[in-house]
Protein backbone atom coordinates (compact mmCIF):
# COMPACT_ATOMS: atom_id res chain seq x y z
CA MET A 1 0.02 0.14 0.01
CA SER A 2 1.56 3.29 -0.91
CA LEU A 3 1.77 6.18 1.37
CA SER A 4 -0.80 8.30 -0.55
CA ASN A 5 -3.38 5.58 -0.10
CA LYS A 6 -2.68 5.43 3.66
CA HIS A 7 -2.91 9.04 4.18
CA GLN A 8 -5.43 11.74 3.30
CA CYS A 9 -5.90 15.26 3.96
CA ARG A 10 -9.40 16.61 4.72
CA GLU A 11 -10.62 20.28 5.48
CA ILE A 12 -12.69 20.49 8.83
CA ILE A 13 -14.53 23.62 9.97
CA THR A 14 -13.64 24.48 13.81
CA LYS A 15 -13.93 27.61 15.79
CA ALA A 16 -10.45 29.05 16.57
CA ILE A 17 -8.54 32.01 17.58
CA CYS A 18 -8.53 33.92 14.27
CA GLY A 19 -7.01 37.14 15.36
CA LYS A 20 -5.11 38.75 18.25
CA GLY A 21 -3.96 42.18 19.38
CA ARG A 22 -2.71 44.43 22.06
CA LYS A 23 -2.36 47.99 22.72
CA PHE A 24 -0.97 50.16 25.41
CA SER A 25 -1.95 53.82 25.39
CA THR A 26 -1.38 56.83 27.41
CA VAL A 27 -4.36 59.50 27.42
CA THR A 28 -4.80 62.80 29.17
CA HIS A 29 -7.72 63.98 31.02
CA THR A 30 -8.80 67.43 32.04
CA VAL A 31 -10.99 68.03 35.00
CA THR A 32 -12.38 71.25 36.08
CA PRO A 33 -13.62 70.99 39.71
CA PRO A 34 -15.78 73.73 41.57
CA ASN A 35 -13.22 75.32 43.19
CA ASN A 36 -9.76 76.41 41.92
CA PRO A 37 -7.29 73.88 43.16
CA THR A 38 -4.14 74.61 44.88
CA SER A 39 -2.49 71.23 45.13
CA ILE A 40 -3.40 67.53 44.21
CA LEU A 41 -3.69 65.24 47.15
CA GLY A 42 -4.75 62.06 45.26
CA ALA A 43 -5.96 60.69 42.02
CA TRP A 44 -7.68 57.50 41.23
CA ILE A 45 -9.89 55.58 38.92
CA ILE A 46 -12.84 53.32 39.76
CA LYS A 47 -15.69 51.50 38.37
CA HIS A 48 -14.04 50.65 35.08
CA GLN A 49 -16.19 48.94 32.70
CA TYR A 50 -15.78 47.83 28.97
CA GLU A 51 -17.02 45.68 26.16
CA ALA A 52 -15.35 44.61 22.98
CA VAL A 53 -16.89 45.08 19.43
CA ALA A 54 -15.75 44.13 16.07
CA ALA A 55 -14.58 47.14 13.63
CA GLY A 56 -13.15 46.17 10.45
CA ASP A 57 -9.61 44.96 10.73
CA GLY A 58 -9.44 45.50 14.44
CA ILE A 59 -11.42 45.44 17.54
CA GLU A 60 -12.92 48.61 19.58
CA VAL A 61 -12.87 48.47 23.22
CA VAL A 62 -15.64 50.71 24.24
CA GLY A 63 -15.83 51.61 28.18
CA THR A 64 -16.33 54.19 30.98
CA TYR A 65 -14.46 54.76 34.34
CA ASP A 66 -14.85 57.37 36.94
CA LEU A 67 -11.75 59.76 37.85
CA ASN A 68 -11.80 60.73 41.58
CA ILE A 69 -9.50 63.79 42.33
CA TRP A 70 -8.97 64.65 45.97
CA TYR A 71 -7.65 68.22 45.90
CA SER A 72 -7.08 71.25 48.22
CA TYR A 73 -8.37 74.81 47.54
CA ASP A 74 -8.24 78.13 49.15
CA LYS A 75 -4.54 78.11 49.69
CA ASN A 76 -4.49 74.74 50.96
CA SER A 77 -7.14 75.48 53.81
CA GLN A 78 -9.81 73.22 52.51
CA THR A 79 -10.32 69.94 50.62
CA ASP A 80 -12.90 68.32 48.24
CA VAL A 81 -13.15 65.54 45.75
CA ALA A 82 -13.83 66.10 42.39
CA LYS A 83 -15.68 63.14 40.32
CA GLU A 84 -16.01 62.70 36.68
CA THR A 85 -17.11 59.90 34.41
CA VAL A 86 -15.13 59.22 31.42
CA SER A 87 -16.00 57.36 28.15
CA TYR A 88 -13.60 56.00 25.75
CA VAL A 89 -13.20 54.02 22.70
CA GLU A 90 -9.92 52.35 22.15
CA ARG A 91 -9.14 50.90 18.97
CA VAL A 92 -6.84 47.65 18.75
CA PRO A 93 -5.47 46.65 15.86
CA LEU A 94 -5.06 42.97 15.21
CA SER A 95 -1.28 42.00 14.74
CA TYR A 96 -2.67 38.60 13.16
CA LEU A 97 -5.95 37.92 11.48
CA ASP A 98 -6.79 34.56 9.61
CA PRO A 99 -8.12 35.95 6.13
CA LYS A 100 -10.11 32.82 5.58
CA HIS A 101 -12.44 33.16 8.87
CA ARG A 102 -15.94 33.12 8.55
CA ALA A 103 -17.17 36.62 9.38
CA SER A 104 -20.57 35.64 10.14
CA THR A 105 -19.42 33.72 13.08
CA VAL A 106 -17.01 36.45 14.57
CA GLU A 107 -17.17 36.75 18.49
CA VAL A 108 -14.61 39.16 20.18
CA SER A 109 -13.24 39.49 23.58
CA ALA A 110 -10.96 41.78 25.43
CA GLU A 111 -9.02 41.83 28.44
CA ALA A 112 -7.62 44.87 30.57
CA THR A 113 -3.80 43.58 30.78
CA GLN A 114 -3.33 46.93 32.58
CA GLU A 115 -6.48 48.43 34.27
CA PRO A 116 -6.47 52.16 33.61
CA SER A 117 -4.37 53.91 36.36
CA CYS A 118 -3.56 57.41 37.15
CA VAL A 119 0.20 58.02 36.66
CA GLU A 120 0.38 61.74 36.97
CA ALA A 121 -1.81 64.43 38.08
CA SER A 122 -1.14 68.19 38.34
CA VAL A 123 -2.91 71.57 38.45
CA SER A 124 -2.96 73.36 34.93
CA SER A 125 -0.96 76.31 34.21
CA ASN A 126 -4.04 78.63 34.65
CA GLY A 127 -4.92 77.17 38.13
CA LYS A 128 -8.56 76.11 37.23
CA SER A 129 -8.18 72.56 36.31
CA VAL A 130 -6.52 69.46 37.14
CA ILE A 131 -4.74 67.27 34.39
CA LEU A 132 -4.41 63.60 34.64
CA ARG A 133 -2.05 61.16 32.67
CA VAL A 134 -3.93 57.66 32.62
CA GLU A 135 -2.27 54.38 31.24
CA ARG A 136 -4.18 51.54 30.14
CA GLU A 137 -3.56 48.33 27.94
CA PHE A 138 -5.79 45.71 26.26
CA SER A 139 -5.33 42.60 24.81
CA VAL A 140 -8.06 41.38 22.42
CA GLU A 141 -9.04 38.15 20.50
CA LEU A 142 -11.24 37.40 17.58
CA ILE A 143 -12.81 34.17 17.73
CA ALA A 144 -14.61 32.55 14.68
CA GLU A 145 -15.18 29.38 12.46
CA THR A 146 -12.20 28.84 10.00
CA LYS A 147 -11.19 25.74 7.88
CA VAL A 148 -8.01 23.79 8.87
CA LEU A 149 -6.44 20.95 6.91
CA VAL A 150 -5.74 17.68 8.89
CA LYS A 151 -4.09 14.51 8.10
CA VAL A 152 -6.54 11.46 8.00
CA CYS A 153 -4.87 8.09 8.40
CA ASN A 154 -6.93 5.10 7.01
CA LEU A 155 -5.17 2.47 9.24
CA LYS A 156 -7.97 0.62 10.50
CA HIS A 157 -7.55 -0.45 14.22
CA GLY A 158 -7.04 -4.46 12.94
CA ASP A 159 -3.90 -3.35 11.20
CA TYR A 160 -2.14 -3.33 14.58
CA GLU A 161 -3.40 -6.95 15.35
CA ASP A 162 -0.31 -8.80 13.74
CA LYS A 163 2.23 -6.72 15.94
CA GLU A 164 3.77 -7.54 19.29
CA PHE A 165 4.50 -4.78 21.87
CA ASP A 166 6.92 -5.81 24.56
CA PHE A 167 6.57 -3.58 27.67
CA ILE A 168 9.95 -3.92 29.30
CA GLY A 169 10.37 -3.28 33.15
CA GLY A 170 7.90 -2.04 35.68
CA GLU A 171 6.86 -5.62 36.76
CA ASP A 172 9.58 -6.37 39.14
CA GLY A 173 9.72 -2.97 41.17
CA GLU A 174 12.32 -1.41 39.03
CA TYR A 175 11.21 2.01 39.40
CA GLU A 176 11.22 1.97 43.29
CA ASP A 177 14.87 3.25 43.22
CA LEU A 178 14.09 6.28 40.90
CA ASP A 179 14.56 9.94 42.40
CA PHE A 180 11.63 11.61 41.02
CA GLU A 181 13.05 14.89 42.05
CA ASP A 182 15.82 14.50 39.63
CA LEU A 183 13.43 13.56 36.84
CA GLU A 184 11.34 16.67 37.37
CA ASP A 185 14.48 18.96 37.17
CA GLU A 186 15.01 17.25 34.05
CA LEU A 187 11.76 18.10 32.53
C-alpha cells in the first residue's frame, strides 16, 4: 500500500482564535473642579467597565471609568473630591488575522492587561483645572469558524493485530529506586 493511499488530508471547520492584538496607550484627561485647586492630594480611577466590538480589521474596546481627584483649594485650607465619568473608545489593531475566517461567526473578547491607572496628576497652568495622565492596556482576540487541514490516517484498528508490543520493566519493582525530584528537574 503506498503512502498516498494510507494518508489523506481533509478540511474541517472549527472554531478558533483567528485574530489577536494588544495595545498600550496613555491618555490625558482635564477635569475642572468647582473650586480652583491649589494642590493635588490624590487621584484614582474606579468603576471601570468595558466591552469589545468588532470594527473592520481591528477590535474596539468601548468603556467608561470614574475619575476621583482629591484636591486642596483656598490656599491649602480646605479639601474636596472632584468626580467625573469618562467614556472612551480604544481601537486595538490585530497583529494577526486569519483571512479565511467566516465573518458571520465572529466573536470578540478583550482583557484589560493593565487597568486604567492615573500615573500623574497636576494643576493646570491657569490654576483652574486638573490634568491627569492615565495609562491602560488591552489584549484582544477574535474568535470565529475557520477551515483547517488535517491529516487522516486510513489504518484500521485491526492493522495492529499482527504486531507484538514488548513493555520492558515495571513489573519487578524496577522503578522504586528512581529519584523523582531529579526527573522533574530534567523536564
